[in-house]
Amino acid sequence: MTLLYEHHYEEVVAPLPQVGPDSLAEMNIIIYDSVRKDYAINVSWHEDCIRREWGVVKDIDQDDRKFKLVRVDGVWWVPIEKMLQVERVY
């Protein structure tokens, strides 16, 4: 019988895709439009894993560089520097 402590486990993390300045500018426009026009967006960001949630942006914290994504069943503070993708929900 082998014991768990006899094995060595390493977490394998693939490199995250780089978000270019043009893509970041487009994502920021979609986020600001969600605040002004009150429509839902899909957001992907890196936390401990890649998270993907949808909701309406209700607040933007410029000091901490994050925004509040709100849905009936949850609230997420998404860090802007960890965003991977933002899309409008139709």
PDB file of N, CA and C in Angstrom:
ATOM      1  N   MET A   1       0.845  -1.174   0.000  1.00  0.00           N
ATOM      2  CA  MET A   1       0.000   0.000   0.000  1.00  0.00           C
ATOM      3  C   MET A   1       0.895   1.244   0.000  1.00  0.00           C
ATOM      4  N   THR A   2       0.613   2.180  -0.899  1.00  0.00           N
ATOM      5  CA  THR A   2       1.383   3.418  -0.929  1.00  0.00           C
ATOM      6  C   THR A   2       0.608   4.513  -0.226  1.00  0.00           C
ATOM      7  N   LEU A   3       1.310   5.372   0.378  1.00  0.00           N
ATOM      8  CA  LEU A   3       0.689   6.481   1.085  1.00  0.00           C
ATOM      9  C   LEU A   3       0.738   7.732   0.225  1.00  0.00           C
ATOM     10  N   LEU A   4      -0.198   8.611   0.442  1.00  0.00           N
ATOM     11  CA  LEU A   4      -0.305   9.826  -0.351  1.00  0.00           C
ATOM     12  C   LEU A   4       0.948  10.694  -0.236  1.00  0.00           C
ATOM     13  N   TYR A   5       1.553  10.762   0.942  1.00  0.00           N
ATOM     14  CA  TYR A   5       2.716  11.629   1.114  1.00  0.00           C
ATOM     15  C   TYR A   5       3.947  11.111   0.374  1.00  0.00           C
ATOM     16  N   GLU A   6       3.912   9.886  -0.134  1.00  0.00           N
ATOM     17  CA  GLU A   6       5.029   9.359  -0.898  1.00  0.00           C
ATOM     18  C   GLU A   6       5.047   9.888  -2.329  1.00  0.00           C
ATOM     19  N   HIS A   7       3.975  10.465  -2.772  1.00  0.00           N
ATOM     20  CA  HIS A   7       3.872  10.969  -4.133  1.00  0.00           C
ATOM     21  C   HIS A   7       4.056  12.484  -4.148  1.00  0.00           C
ATOM     22  N   HIS A   8       4.591  12.952  -5.255  1.00  0.00           N
ATOM     23  CA  HIS A   8       4.806  14.394  -5.412  1.00  0.00           C
ATOM     24  C   HIS A   8       3.865  14.896  -6.498  1.00  0.00           C
ATOM     25  N   TYR A   9       3.044  15.866  -6.179  1.00  0.00           N
ATOM     26  CA  TYR A   9       2.088  16.417  -7.132  1.00  0.00           C
ATOM     27  C   TYR A   9       2.465  17.851  -7.464  1.00  0.00           C
ATOM     28  N   GLU A  10       2.392  18.169  -8.742  1.00  0.00           N
ATOM     29  CA  GLU A  10       2.637  19.539  -9.180  1.00  0.00           C
ATOM     30  C   GLU A  10       1.439  20.015  -9.970  1.00  0.00           C
ATOM     31  N   GLU A  11       1.056  21.230  -9.707  1.00  0.00           N
ATOM     32  CA  GLU A  11      -0.043  21.820 -10.462  1.00  0.00           C
ATOM     33  C   GLU A  11       0.508  22.304 -11.799  1.00  0.00           C
ATOM     34  N   VAL A  12      -0.102  21.874 -12.872  1.00  0.00           N
ATOM     35  CA  VAL A  12       0.320  22.288 -14.213  1.00  0.00           C
ATOM     36  C   VAL A  12      -0.578  23.439 -14.643  1.00  0.00           C
ATOM     37  N   VAL A  13       0.042  24.565 -14.944  1.00  0.00           N
ATOM     38  CA  VAL A  13      -0.715  25.739 -15.348  1.00  0.00           C
ATOM     39  C   VAL A  13      -0.234  26.150 -16.733  1.00  0.00           C
ATOM     40  N   ALA A  14      -1.158  26.180 -17.671  1.00  0.00           N
ATOM     41  CA  ALA A  14      -0.815  26.642 -19.022  1.00  0.00           C
ATOM     42  C   ALA A  14      -0.704  28.161 -19.000  1.00  0.00           C
ATOM     43  N   PRO A  15       0.151  28.722 -19.820  1.00  0.00           N
ATOM     44  CA  PRO A  15       0.243  30.189 -19.852  1.00  0.00           C
ATOM     45  C   PRO A  15      -1.061  30.809 -20.339  1.00  0.00           C
ATOM     46  N   LEU A  16      -1.439  31.890 -19.697  1.00  0.00           N
ATOM     47  CA  LEU A  16      -2.675  32.578 -20.067  1.00  0.00           C
ATOM     48  C   LEU A  16      -2.484  33.357 -21.357  1.00  0.00           C
ATOM     49  N   PRO A  17      -3.543  33.457 -22.147  1.00  0.00           N
ATOM     50  CA  PRO A  17      -3.422  34.270 -23.365  1.00  0.00           C
ATOM     51  C   PRO A  17      -3.219  35.743 -23.014  1.00  0.00           C
ATOM     52  N   GLN A  18      -2.382  36.404 -23.760  1.00  0.00           N
ATOM     53  CA  GLN A  18      -2.120  37.823 -23.535  1.00  0.00           C
ATOM     54  C   GLN A  18      -3.252  38.655 -24.123  1.00  0.00           C
ATOM     55  N   VAL A  19      -3.712  39.632 -23.377  1.00  0.00           N
ATOM     56  CA  VAL A  19      -4.751  40.545 -23.844  1.00  0.00           C
ATOM     57  C   VAL A  19      -4.053  41.803 -24.343  1.00  0.00           C
ATOM     58  N   GLY A  20      -4.237  42.099 -25.615  1.00  0.00           N
ATOM     59  CA  GLY A  20      -3.599  43.268 -26.212  1.00  0.00           C
ATOM     60  C   GLY A  20      -4.297  44.556 -25.833  1.00  0.00           C
ATOM     61  N   PRO A  21      -3.653  45.691 -26.064  1.00  0.00           N
ATOM     62  CA  PRO A  21      -4.248  46.982 -25.702  1.00  0.00           C
ATOM     63  C   PRO A  21      -5.536  47.276 -26.466  1.00  0.00           C
ATOM     64  N   ASP A  22      -5.635  46.841 -27.734  1.00  0.00           N
ATOM     65  CA  ASP A  22      -6.877  47.066 -28.494  1.00  0.00           C
ATOM     66  C   ASP A  22      -8.021  46.247 -27.927  1.00  0.00           C
ATOM     67  N   SER A  23      -7.739  44.990 -27.563  1.00  0.00           N
ATOM     68  CA  SER A  23      -8.764  44.132 -26.971  1.00  0.00           C
ATOM     69  C   SER A  23      -9.208  44.673 -25.616  1.00  0.00           C
ATOM     70  N   LEU A  24      -8.256  45.160 -24.831  1.00  0.00           N
ATOM     71  CA  LEU A  24      -8.585  45.724 -23.525  1.00  0.00           C
ATOM     72  C   LEU A  24      -9.458  46.962 -23.673  1.00  0.00           C
ATOM     73  N   ALA A  25      -9.178  47.796 -24.663  1.00  0.00           N
ATOM     74  CA  ALA A  25      -9.994  48.989 -24.903  1.00  0.00           C
ATOM     75  C   ALA A  25     -11.420  48.595 -25.292  1.00  0.00           C
ATOM     76  N   GLU A  26     -11.577  47.575 -26.136  1.00  0.00           N
ATOM     77  CA  GLU A  26     -12.914  47.102 -26.523  1.00  0.00           C
ATOM     78  C   GLU A  26     -13.668  46.541 -25.319  1.00  0.00           C
ATOM     79  N   MET A  27     -12.959  45.788 -24.470  1.00  0.00           N
ATOM     80  CA  MET A  27     -13.608  45.235 -23.277  1.00  0.00           C
ATOM     81  C   MET A  27     -14.071  46.343 -22.343  1.00  0.00           C
ATOM     82  N   ASN A  28     -13.255  47.385 -22.178  1.00  0.00           N
ATOM     83  CA  ASN A  28     -13.634  48.507 -21.314  1.00  0.00           C
ATOM     84  C   ASN A  28     -14.864  49.230 -21.850  1.00  0.00           C
ATOM     85  N   ILE A  29     -14.975  49.367 -23.159  1.00  0.00           N
ATOM     86  CA  ILE A  29     -16.154  50.010 -23.754  1.00  0.00           C
ATOM     87  C   ILE A  29     -17.402  49.189 -23.462  1.00  0.00           C
ATOM     88  N   ILE A  30     -17.314  47.869 -23.612  1.00  0.00           N
ATOM     89  CA  ILE A  30     -18.468  47.004 -23.337  1.00  0.00           C
ATOM     90  C   ILE A  30     -18.864  47.094 -21.865  1.00  0.00           C
ATOM     91  N   ILE A  31     -17.881  47.150 -20.968  1.00  0.00           N
ATOM     92  CA  ILE A  31     -18.165  47.259 -19.526  1.00  0.00           C
ATOM     93  C   ILE A  31     -18.863  48.578 -19.216  1.00  0.00           C
ATOM     94  N   TYR A  32     -18.348  49.690 -19.735  1.00  0.00           N
ATOM     95  CA  TYR A  32     -18.979  50.990 -19.484  1.00  0.00           C
ATOM     96  C   TYR A  32     -20.378  51.061 -20.099  1.00  0.00           C
ATOM     97  N   ASP A  33     -20.579  50.459 -21.264  1.00  0.00           N
ATOM     98  CA  ASP A  33     -21.914  50.425 -21.862  1.00  0.00           C
ATOM     99  C   ASP A  33     -22.881  49.599 -21.025  1.00  0.00           C
ATOM    100  N   SER A  34     -22.398  48.534 -20.382  1.00  0.00           N
ATOM    101  CA  SER A  34     -23.252  47.733 -19.507  1.00  0.00           C
ATOM    102  C   SER A  34     -23.740  48.554 -18.320  1.00  0.00           C
ATOM    103  N   VAL A  35     -22.880  49.443 -17.810  1.00  0.00           N
ATOM    104  CA  VAL A  35     -23.285  50.316 -16.703  1.00  0.00           C
ATOM    105  C   VAL A  35     -24.327  51.332 -17.179  1.00  0.00           C
ATOM    106  N   ARG A  36     -24.040  51.977 -18.306  1.00  0.00           N
ATOM    107  CA  ARG A  36     -24.915  53.060 -18.777  1.00  0.00           C
ATOM    108  C   ARG A  36     -26.239  52.551 -19.334  1.00  0.00           C
ATOM    109  N   LYS A  37     -26.194  51.456 -20.104  1.00  0.00           N
ATOM    110  CA  LYS A  37     -27.388  50.980 -20.802  1.00  0.00           C
ATOM    111  C   LYS A  37     -28.047  49.790 -20.120  1.00  0.00           C
ATOM    112  N   ASP A  38     -27.455  49.310 -19.007  1.00  0.00           N
ATOM    113  CA  ASP A  38     -28.026  48.253 -18.179  1.00  0.00           C
ATOM    114  C   ASP A  38     -28.297  46.969 -18.967  1.00  0.00           C
ATOM    115  N   TYR A  39     -27.291  46.486 -19.710  1.00  0.00           N
ATOM    116  CA  TYR A  39     -27.442  45.192 -20.379  1.00  0.00           C
ATOM    117  C   TYR A  39     -26.403  44.203 -19.866  1.00  0.00           C
ATOM    118  N   ALA A  40     -26.702  42.922 -20.060  1.00  0.00           N
ATOM    119  CA  ALA A  40     -25.856  41.854 -19.529  1.00  0.00           C
ATOM    120  C   ALA A  40     -24.643  41.606 -20.415  1.00  0.00           C
ATOM    121  N   ILE A  41     -23.562  41.160 -19.758  1.00  0.00           N
ATOM    122  CA  ILE A  41     -22.338  40.799 -20.467  1.00  0.00           C
ATOM    123  C   ILE A  41     -21.818  39.457 -19.929  1.00  0.00           C
ATOM    124  N   ASN A  42     -21.033  38.760 -20.747  1.00  0.00           N
ATOM    125  CA  ASN A  42     -20.271  37.583 -20.318  1.00  0.00           C
ATOM    126  C   ASN A  42     -18.856  38.048 -20.046  1.00  0.00           C
ATOM    127  N   VAL A  43     -18.293  37.604 -18.928  1.00  0.00           N
ATOM    128  CA  VAL A  43     -16.928  37.991 -18.580  1.00  0.00           C
ATOM    129  C   VAL A  43     -16.135  36.735 -18.222  1.00  0.00           C
ATOM    130  N   SER A  44     -14.940  36.612 -18.789  1.00  0.00           N
ATOM    131  CA  SER A  44     -13.997  35.555 -18.414  1.00  0.00           C
ATOM    132  C   SER A  44     -12.800  36.229 -17.756  1.00  0.00           C
ATOM    133  N   TRP A  45     -12.354  35.672 -16.630  1.00  0.00           N
ATOM    134  CA  TRP A  45     -11.179  36.206 -15.959  1.00  0.00           C
ATOM    135  C   TRP A  45     -10.455  35.078 -15.233  1.00  0.00           C
ATOM    136  N   HIS A  46      -9.208  35.344 -14.897  1.00  0.00           N
ATOM    137  CA  HIS A  46      -8.392  34.351 -14.214  1.00  0.00           C
ATOM    138  C   HIS A  46      -8.421  34.622 -12.726  1.00  0.00           C
ATOM    139  N   GLU A  47      -8.858  33.630 -11.964  1.00  0.00           N
ATOM    140  CA  GLU A  47      -8.824  33.707 -10.506  1.00  0.00           C
ATOM    141  C   GLU A  47      -7.841  32.624 -10.083  1.00  0.00           C
ATOM    142  N   ASP A  48      -8.278  31.564  -9.467  1.00  0.00           N
ATOM    143  CA  ASP A  48      -7.437  30.374  -9.276  1.00  0.00           C
ATOM    144  C   ASP A  48      -7.548  29.476 -10.496  1.00  0.00           C
ATOM    145  N   CYS A  49      -8.607  29.705 -11.232  1.00  0.00           N
ATOM    146  CA  CYS A  49      -8.857  29.013 -12.491  1.00  0.00           C
ATOM    147  C   CYS A  49      -9.462  30.058 -13.424  1.00  0.00           C
ATOM    148  N   ILE A  50      -9.849  29.674 -14.601  1.00  0.00           N
ATOM    149  CA  ILE A  50     -10.517  30.629 -15.493  1.00  0.00           C
ATOM    150  C   ILE A  50     -12.002  30.597 -15.179  1.00  0.00           C
ATOM    151  N   ARG A  51     -12.526  31.721 -14.739  1.00  0.00           N
ATOM    152  CA  ARG A  51     -13.948  31.851 -14.393  1.00  0.00           C
ATOM    153  C   ARG A  51     -14.682  32.508 -15.538  1.00  0.00           C
ATOM    154  N   ARG A  52     -15.929  32.123 -15.740  1.00  0.00           N
ATOM    155  CA  ARG A  52     -16.778  32.748 -16.749  1.00  0.00           C
ATOM    156  C   ARG A  52     -18.159  32.922 -16.130  1.00  0.00           C
ATOM    157  N   GLU A  53     -18.588  34.160 -16.022  1.00  0.00           N
ATOM    158  CA  GLU A  53     -19.899  34.493 -15.458  1.00  0.00           C
ATOM    159  C   GLU A  53     -20.551  35.552 -16.329  1.00  0.00           C
ATOM    160  N   TRP A  54     -21.851  35.682 -16.185  1.00  0.00           N
ATOM    161  CA  TRP A  54     -22.564  36.735 -16.889  1.00  0.00           C
ATOM    162  C   TRP A  54     -23.361  37.525 -15.867  1.00  0.00           C
ATOM    163  N   GLY A  55     -23.663  38.771 -16.227  1.00  0.00           N
ATOM    164  CA  GLY A  55     -24.438  39.643 -15.359  1.00  0.00           C
ATOM    165  C   GLY A  55     -24.361  41.067 -15.882  1.00  0.00           C
ATOM    166  N   VAL A  56     -24.867  41.995 -15.079  1.00  0.00           N
ATOM    167  CA  VAL A  56     -24.868  43.417 -15.424  1.00  0.00           C
ATOM    168  C   VAL A  56     -23.867  44.123 -14.516  1.00  0.00           C
ATOM    169  N   VAL A  57     -23.073  45.009 -15.091  1.00  0.00           N
ATOM    170  CA  VAL A  57     -22.093  45.763 -14.308  1.00  0.00           C
ATOM    171  C   VAL A  57     -22.839  46.880 -13.573  1.00  0.00           C
ATOM    172  N   LYS A  58     -22.730  46.872 -12.251  1.00  0.00           N
ATOM    173  CA  LYS A  58     -23.431  47.863 -11.430  1.00  0.00           C
ATOM    174  C   LYS A  58     -22.513  48.895 -10.802  1.00  0.00           C
ATOM    175  N   ASP A  59     -21.221  48.595 -10.712  1.00  0.00           N
ATOM    176  CA  ASP A  59     -20.303  49.529 -10.067  1.00  0.00           C
ATOM    177  C   ASP A  59     -18.895  49.278 -10.600  1.00  0.00           C
ATOM    178  N   ILE A  60     -18.118  50.343 -10.716  1.00  0.00           N
ATOM    179  CA  ILE A  60     -16.715  50.237 -11.119  1.00  0.00           C
ATOM    180  C   ILE A  60     -15.880  50.920 -10.051  1.00  0.00           C
ATOM    181  N   ASP A  61     -14.966  50.165  -9.452  1.00  0.00           N
ATOM    182  CA  ASP A  61     -14.066  50.690  -8.430  1.00  0.00           C
ATOM    183  C   ASP A  61     -12.734  51.016  -9.108  1.00  0.00           C
ATOM    184  N   GLN A  62     -12.516  52.295  -9.399  1.00  0.00           N
ATOM    185  CA  GLN A  62     -11.310  52.699 -10.130  1.00  0.00           C
ATOM    186  C   GLN A  62     -10.058  52.642  -9.261  1.00  0.00           C
ATOM    187  N   ASP A  63     -10.217  52.769  -7.950  1.00  0.00           N
ATOM    188  CA  ASP A  63      -9.060  52.707  -7.060  1.00  0.00           C
ATOM    189  C   ASP A  63      -8.468  51.293  -7.006  1.00  0.00           C
ATOM    190  N   ASP A  64      -9.342  50.289  -6.871  1.00  0.00           N
ATOM    191  CA  ASP A  64      -8.888  48.896  -6.805  1.00  0.00           C
ATOM    192  C   ASP A  64      -8.875  48.218  -8.167  1.00  0.00           C
ATOM    193  N   ARG A  65      -9.263  48.941  -9.211  1.00  0.00           N
ATOM    194  CA  ARG A  65      -9.290  48.450 -10.596  1.00  0.00           C
ATOM    195  C   ARG A  65     -10.075  47.147 -10.726  1.00  0.00           C
ATOM    196  N   LYS A  66     -11.357  47.207 -10.313  1.00  0.00           N
ATOM    197  CA  LYS A  66     -12.250  46.070 -10.453  1.00  0.00           C
ATOM    198  C   LYS A  66     -13.670  46.582 -10.648  1.00  0.00           C
ATOM    199  N   PHE A  67     -14.534  45.702 -11.147  1.00  0.00           N
ATOM    200  CA  PHE A  67     -15.935  46.094 -11.312  1.00  0.00           C
ATOM    201  C   PHE A  67     -16.847  45.019 -10.745  1.00  0.00           C
ATOM    202  N   LYS A  68     -18.065  45.448 -10.399  1.00  0.00           N
ATOM    203  CA  LYS A  68     -19.040  44.590  -9.742  1.00  0.00           C
ATOM    204  C   LYS A  68     -19.999  44.028 -10.783  1.00  0.00           C
ATOM    205  N   LEU A  69     -19.979  42.721 -10.973  1.00  0.00           N
ATOM    206  CA  LEU A  69     -20.869  42.025 -11.893  1.00  0.00           C
ATOM    207  C   LEU A  69     -21.990  41.411 -11.074  1.00  0.00           C
ATOM    208  N   VAL A  70     -23.239  41.767 -11.398  1.00  0.00           N
ATOM    209  CA  VAL A  70     -24.385  41.377 -10.573  1.00  0.00           C
ATOM    210  C   VAL A  70     -25.365  40.543 -11.388  1.00  0.00           C
ATOM    211  N   ARG A  71     -25.850  39.490 -10.742  1.00  0.00           N
ATOM    212  CA  ARG A  71     -26.895  38.644 -11.298  1.00  0.00           C
ATOM    213  C   ARG A  71     -27.810  38.268 -10.141  1.00  0.00           C
ATOM    214  N   VAL A  72     -28.973  37.744 -10.403  1.00  0.00           N
ATOM    215  CA  VAL A  72     -29.929  37.413  -9.343  1.00  0.00           C
ATOM    216  C   VAL A  72     -29.319  36.441  -8.331  1.00  0.00           C
ATOM    217  N   ASP A  73     -28.522  35.483  -8.807  1.00  0.00           N
ATOM    218  CA  ASP A  73     -27.994  34.458  -7.919  1.00  0.00           C
ATOM    219  C   ASP A  73     -26.535  34.672  -7.505  1.00  0.00           C
ATOM    220  N   GLY A  74     -25.968  35.849  -7.768  1.00  0.00           N
ATOM    221  CA  GLY A  74     -24.591  36.066  -7.345  1.00  0.00           C
ATOM    222  C   GLY A  74     -24.046  37.445  -7.666  1.00  0.00           C
ATOM    223  N   VAL A  75     -22.950  37.785  -6.997  1.00  0.00           N
ATOM    224  CA  VAL A  75     -22.235  39.042  -7.210  1.00  0.00           C
ATOM    225  C   VAL A  75     -20.749  38.716  -7.249  1.00  0.00           C
ATOM    226  N   TRP A  76     -20.041  39.254  -8.230  1.00  0.00           N
ATOM    227  CA  TRP A  76     -18.607  39.023  -8.377  1.00  0.00           C
ATOM    228  C   TRP A  76     -17.904  40.351  -8.576  1.00  0.00           C
ATOM    229  N   TRP A  77     -16.770  40.532  -7.895  1.00  0.00           N
ATOM    230  CA  TRP A  77     -15.890  41.659  -8.148  1.00  0.00           C
ATOM    231  C   TRP A  77     -14.785  41.144  -9.066  1.00  0.00           C
ATOM    232  N   VAL A  78     -14.770  41.623 -10.297  1.00  0.00           N
ATOM    233  CA  VAL A  78     -13.843  41.140 -11.316  1.00  0.00           C
ATOM    234  C   VAL A  78     -12.665  42.104 -11.426  1.00  0.00           C
ATOM    235  N   PRO A  79     -11.437  41.622 -11.193  1.00  0.00           N
ATOM    236  CA  PRO A  79     -10.263  42.484 -11.357  1.00  0.00           C
ATOM    237  C   PRO A  79      -9.995  42.758 -12.841  1.00  0.00           C
ATOM    238  N   ILE A  80      -9.840  44.007 -13.183  1.00  0.00           N
ATOM    239  CA  ILE A  80      -9.686  44.403 -14.585  1.00  0.00           C
ATOM    240  C   ILE A  80      -8.403  43.825 -15.182  1.00  0.00           C
ATOM    241  N   GLU A  81      -7.320  43.770 -14.409  1.00  0.00           N
ATOM    242  CA  GLU A  81      -6.067  43.267 -14.970  1.00  0.00           C
ATOM    243  C   GLU A  81      -6.074  41.758 -15.202  1.00  0.00           C
ATOM    244  N   LYS A  82      -7.073  41.041 -14.676  1.00  0.00           N
ATOM    245  CA  LYS A  82      -7.149  39.596 -14.872  1.00  0.00           C
ATOM    246  C   LYS A  82      -8.223  39.188 -15.880  1.00  0.00           C
ATOM    247  N   MET A  83      -8.845  40.168 -16.542  1.00  0.00           N
ATOM    248  CA  MET A  83      -9.868  39.861 -17.542  1.00  0.00           C
ATOM    249  C   MET A  83      -9.250  39.195 -18.757  1.00  0.00           C
ATOM    250  N   LEU A  84      -9.971  38.228 -19.316  1.00  0.00           N
ATOM    251  CA  LEU A  84      -9.531  37.555 -20.519  1.00  0.00           C
ATOM    252  C   LEU A  84     -10.441  37.858 -21.698  1.00  0.00           C
ATOM    253  N   GLN A  85     -11.756  37.966 -21.422  1.00  0.00           N
ATOM    254  CA  GLN A  85     -12.717  38.199 -22.501  1.00  0.00           C
ATOM    255  C   GLN A  85     -13.984  38.832 -21.939  1.00  0.00           C
ATOM    256  N   VAL A  86     -14.575  39.743 -22.698  1.00  0.00           N
ATOM    257  CA  VAL A  86     -15.851  40.358 -22.342  1.00  0.00           C
ATOM    258  C   VAL A  86     -16.696  40.405 -23.601  1.00  0.00           C
ATOM    259  N   GLU A  87     -17.948  39.927 -23.491  1.00  0.00           N
ATOM    260  CA  GLU A  87     -18.871  39.915 -24.627  1.00  0.00           C
ATOM    261  C   GLU A  87     -20.233  40.401 -24.169  1.00  0.00           C
ATOM    262  N   ARG A  88     -20.927  41.065 -25.066  1.00  0.00           N
ATOM    263  CA  ARG A  88     -22.303  41.486 -24.793  1.00  0.00           C
ATOM    264  C   ARG A  88     -23.228  40.278 -24.958  1.00  0.00           C
ATOM    265  N   VAL A  89     -24.209  40.128 -24.065  1.00  0.00           N
ATOM    266  CA  VAL A  89     -25.206  39.060 -24.154  1.00  0.00           C
ATOM    267  C   VAL A  89     -26.389  39.599 -24.952  1.00  0.00           C
ATOM    268  N   TYR A  90     -26.766  38.882 -26.002  1.00  0.00           N
ATOM    269  CA  TYR A  90     -27.910  39.310 -26.819  1.00  0.00           C
ATOM    270  C   TYR A  90     -29.138  38.520 -26.523  1.00  0.00           C
TER     271      TYR A  90
END
